């Protein structure tokens, strides 16, 4: 015959009073503290990449440390959507696109000129020469027309060099007025 204990929860009570349970509980607590500190460190590293202000970084880390586990979740809602480097890269791309849309600049007056302009509409500086065969505007450095394969005339290259020399003289006079 088996002897029945009067307490039906005796086996559960014995388990929770055992050394194995005490060790398991201690490991769970150590893991929870380690996870909490790791989340606070992650908040610090992520905030450094997203905020310029050191006060904002400190506030985010303080929230993560004061409110265990939920502080990191709160940080996820208040952090900026992109890294500082991404915002900087986006700004540079925007500036580059704006400069492309704005157009080319005249070497003499810095006025906006189109890619097919032969002369500057502001100062009448010669920008490009038309091709002798197809009349397309040629870049001064081209040796041959890319549209019809006709060779660029040597007078076109000379005119470009003369324009550069004139520009150099003008900049020397404006920089050193004693000439």
Protein backbone atom coordinates (compact mmCIF):
# COMPACT_ATOMS: atom_id res chain seq x y z
CA UNK A 1 0.00 0.00 0.00
CA UNK A 2 1.23 3.47 -0.85
CA UNK A 3 1.39 6.20 1.62
CA UNK A 4 -0.33 9.39 0.37
CA UNK A 5 0.84 12.70 1.67
CA UNK A 6 -1.67 15.11 3.06
CA UNK A 7 -0.23 18.01 0.94
CA UNK A 8 -0.91 17.56 -2.81
CA UNK A 9 1.57 20.35 -3.72
CA UNK A 10 4.44 18.85 -1.77
CA UNK A 11 6.41 17.89 -4.90
CA UNK A 12 6.07 21.38 -6.37
CA UNK A 13 7.07 22.90 -3.06
CA UNK A 14 10.08 20.62 -2.91
CA UNK A 15 11.16 21.67 -6.43
CA UNK A 16 10.94 25.41 -5.73
CA UNK A 17 12.89 24.94 -2.51
CA UNK A 18 15.66 22.96 -4.19
CA UNK A 19 19.17 24.06 -5.04
CA UNK A 20 18.54 23.56 -8.80
CA UNK A 21 15.74 26.11 -8.70
CA UNK A 22 17.91 28.59 -6.81
CA UNK A 23 20.68 28.26 -9.40
CA UNK A 24 18.21 28.57 -12.30
CA UNK A 25 16.68 31.68 -10.71
CA UNK A 26 20.11 33.25 -10.21
CA UNK A 27 21.05 32.56 -13.87
CA UNK A 28 17.79 34.11 -15.07
CA UNK A 29 18.45 37.22 -12.98
CA UNK A 30 22.04 37.52 -14.25
CA UNK A 31 20.81 37.12 -17.83
CA UNK A 32 18.10 39.78 -17.30
CA UNK A 33 20.64 42.27 -15.89
CA UNK A 34 23.08 41.52 -18.72
CA UNK A 35 20.32 42.02 -21.31
CA UNK A 36 19.26 45.30 -19.66
CA UNK A 37 22.84 46.63 -19.71
CA UNK A 38 23.33 45.42 -23.30
CA UNK A 39 20.18 47.28 -24.38
CA UNK A 40 21.42 50.44 -22.64
CA UNK A 41 24.76 50.10 -24.47
CA UNK A 42 22.94 49.59 -27.77
CA UNK A 43 20.90 52.74 -27.12
CA UNK A 44 24.13 54.64 -26.47
CA UNK A 45 25.79 53.42 -29.68
CA UNK A 46 22.70 54.04 -31.80
CA UNK A 47 22.04 57.49 -30.30
CA UNK A 48 25.64 58.53 -31.05
CA UNK A 49 25.01 57.79 -34.73
CA UNK A 50 21.67 59.63 -34.81
CA UNK A 51 22.07 62.69 -32.54
CA UNK A 52 24.60 65.52 -32.68
CA UNK A 53 23.67 66.86 -29.24
CA UNK A 54 25.43 65.07 -26.38
CA UNK A 55 22.59 66.03 -24.03
CA UNK A 56 20.10 64.11 -26.17
CA UNK A 57 22.41 61.09 -26.18
CA UNK A 58 22.69 61.22 -22.39
CA UNK A 59 18.92 61.55 -21.99
CA UNK A 60 18.30 58.52 -24.20
CA UNK A 61 20.79 56.40 -22.26
CA UNK A 62 19.28 57.58 -18.96
CA UNK A 63 15.81 56.51 -20.12
CA UNK A 64 17.20 53.11 -21.11
CA UNK A 65 18.86 52.70 -17.70
CA UNK A 66 16.04 54.06 -15.53
CA UNK A 67 13.26 52.06 -17.19
CA UNK A 68 14.66 48.55 -17.72
CA UNK A 69 13.74 47.01 -21.09
CA UNK A 70 10.95 49.52 -21.76
CA UNK A 71 13.47 52.38 -21.94
CA UNK A 72 14.98 50.89 -25.10
CA UNK A 73 11.50 50.50 -26.54
CA UNK A 74 10.72 54.16 -25.75
CA UNK A 75 13.99 55.13 -27.43
CA UNK A 76 12.90 53.29 -30.60
CA UNK A 77 9.89 55.62 -30.82
CA UNK A 78 11.73 58.91 -30.18
CA UNK A 79 14.93 58.39 -32.17
CA UNK A 80 15.46 60.12 -35.54
CA UNK A 81 14.65 57.92 -38.51
CA UNK A 82 18.11 58.05 -40.09
CA UNK A 83 21.77 58.15 -39.16
CA UNK A 84 23.65 61.44 -39.29
CA UNK A 85 25.89 60.10 -42.07
CA UNK A 86 22.85 59.12 -44.14
CA UNK A 87 21.33 62.59 -43.68
CA UNK A 88 24.65 64.17 -44.68
CA UNK A 89 24.93 61.93 -47.77
CA UNK A 90 21.34 62.76 -48.75
CA UNK A 91 22.09 66.47 -48.39
CA UNK A 92 25.17 66.15 -50.61
CA UNK A 93 23.18 64.24 -53.23
CA UNK A 94 20.50 66.94 -53.16
CA UNK A 95 23.12 69.65 -53.66
CA UNK A 96 24.65 67.72 -56.55
CA UNK A 97 21.27 67.26 -58.21
CA UNK A 98 20.43 70.93 -57.71
CA UNK A 99 23.69 71.95 -59.34
CA UNK A 100 22.95 69.68 -62.30
CA UNK A 101 19.45 71.11 -62.67
CA UNK A 102 20.79 74.63 -62.26
CA UNK A 103 23.01 74.14 -65.28
CA UNK A 104 26.54 74.86 -66.36
CA UNK A 105 28.32 78.13 -65.57
CA UNK A 106 30.01 80.57 -67.92
CA UNK A 107 33.77 80.66 -67.28
CA UNK A 108 33.81 84.48 -67.51
CA UNK A 109 30.71 85.80 -65.74
CA UNK A 110 29.55 82.65 -63.84
CA UNK A 111 26.13 83.02 -65.47
CA UNK A 112 23.99 79.93 -66.03
CA UNK A 113 24.38 78.50 -69.54
CA UNK A 114 22.83 75.51 -71.22
CA UNK A 115 24.78 72.49 -72.45
CA UNK A 116 24.02 73.42 -76.10
CA UNK A 117 24.78 77.17 -75.84
CA UNK A 118 27.45 78.42 -78.24
CA UNK A 119 27.89 81.77 -76.46
CA UNK A 120 27.01 83.06 -73.01
CA UNK A 121 23.79 85.11 -73.24
CA UNK A 122 25.03 87.45 -70.48
CA UNK A 123 28.58 88.37 -71.52
CA UNK A 124 28.75 86.92 -75.06
CA UNK A 125 31.82 84.81 -74.24
CA UNK A 126 32.30 82.04 -76.78
CA UNK A 127 31.58 78.74 -75.02
CA UNK A 128 31.52 76.25 -77.89
CA UNK A 129 31.96 76.24 -81.64
CA UNK A 130 29.46 74.54 -83.95
CA UNK A 131 30.63 71.51 -85.90
CA UNK A 132 31.48 72.38 -89.51
CA UNK A 133 29.53 69.42 -90.84
CA UNK A 134 26.44 68.94 -88.57
CA UNK A 135 26.37 72.28 -86.63
CA UNK A 136 26.09 70.54 -83.26
CA UNK A 137 27.86 72.40 -80.41
CA UNK A 138 31.30 70.96 -79.71
CA UNK A 139 33.02 70.94 -76.36
CA UNK A 140 36.29 72.92 -76.63
CA UNK A 141 38.41 69.91 -75.63
CA UNK A 142 36.98 67.53 -78.21
CA UNK A 143 39.19 66.55 -81.10
CA UNK A 144 36.32 65.11 -83.14
CA UNK A 145 32.55 65.68 -83.30
CA UNK A 146 30.77 62.82 -81.49
CA UNK A 147 27.64 63.33 -83.62
CA UNK A 148 29.10 63.06 -87.15
CA UNK A 149 32.77 62.09 -86.55
CA UNK A 150 34.09 65.19 -88.33
CA UNK A 151 37.44 66.42 -86.96
CA UNK A 152 37.25 69.57 -84.84
CA UNK A 153 39.02 72.47 -86.48
CA UNK A 154 42.28 73.71 -84.94
CA UNK A 155 40.84 77.25 -84.83
CA UNK A 156 38.24 76.08 -82.33
CA UNK A 157 40.92 74.77 -79.97
CA UNK A 158 42.93 77.99 -80.40
CA UNK A 159 39.87 80.13 -79.58
CA UNK A 160 39.38 78.19 -76.37
CA UNK A 161 43.02 78.71 -75.36
CA UNK A 162 42.74 82.44 -76.10
CA UNK A 163 39.64 82.67 -73.90
CA UNK A 164 41.55 80.95 -71.07
CA UNK A 165 44.49 83.33 -71.44
CA UNK A 166 42.17 86.37 -71.42
CA UNK A 167 40.43 85.06 -68.30
CA UNK A 168 43.81 84.53 -66.62
CA UNK A 169 44.85 88.10 -67.44
CA UNK A 170 41.57 89.50 -66.12
CA UNK A 171 41.89 87.57 -62.86
CA UNK A 172 45.52 88.76 -62.48
CA UNK A 173 44.43 92.38 -62.93
CA UNK A 174 41.61 92.06 -60.40
CA UNK A 175 43.83 90.29 -57.87
CA UNK A 176 46.86 92.61 -58.33
CA UNK A 177 45.67 96.11 -59.29
CA UNK A 178 49.21 97.50 -59.67
CA UNK A 179 49.56 96.00 -63.21
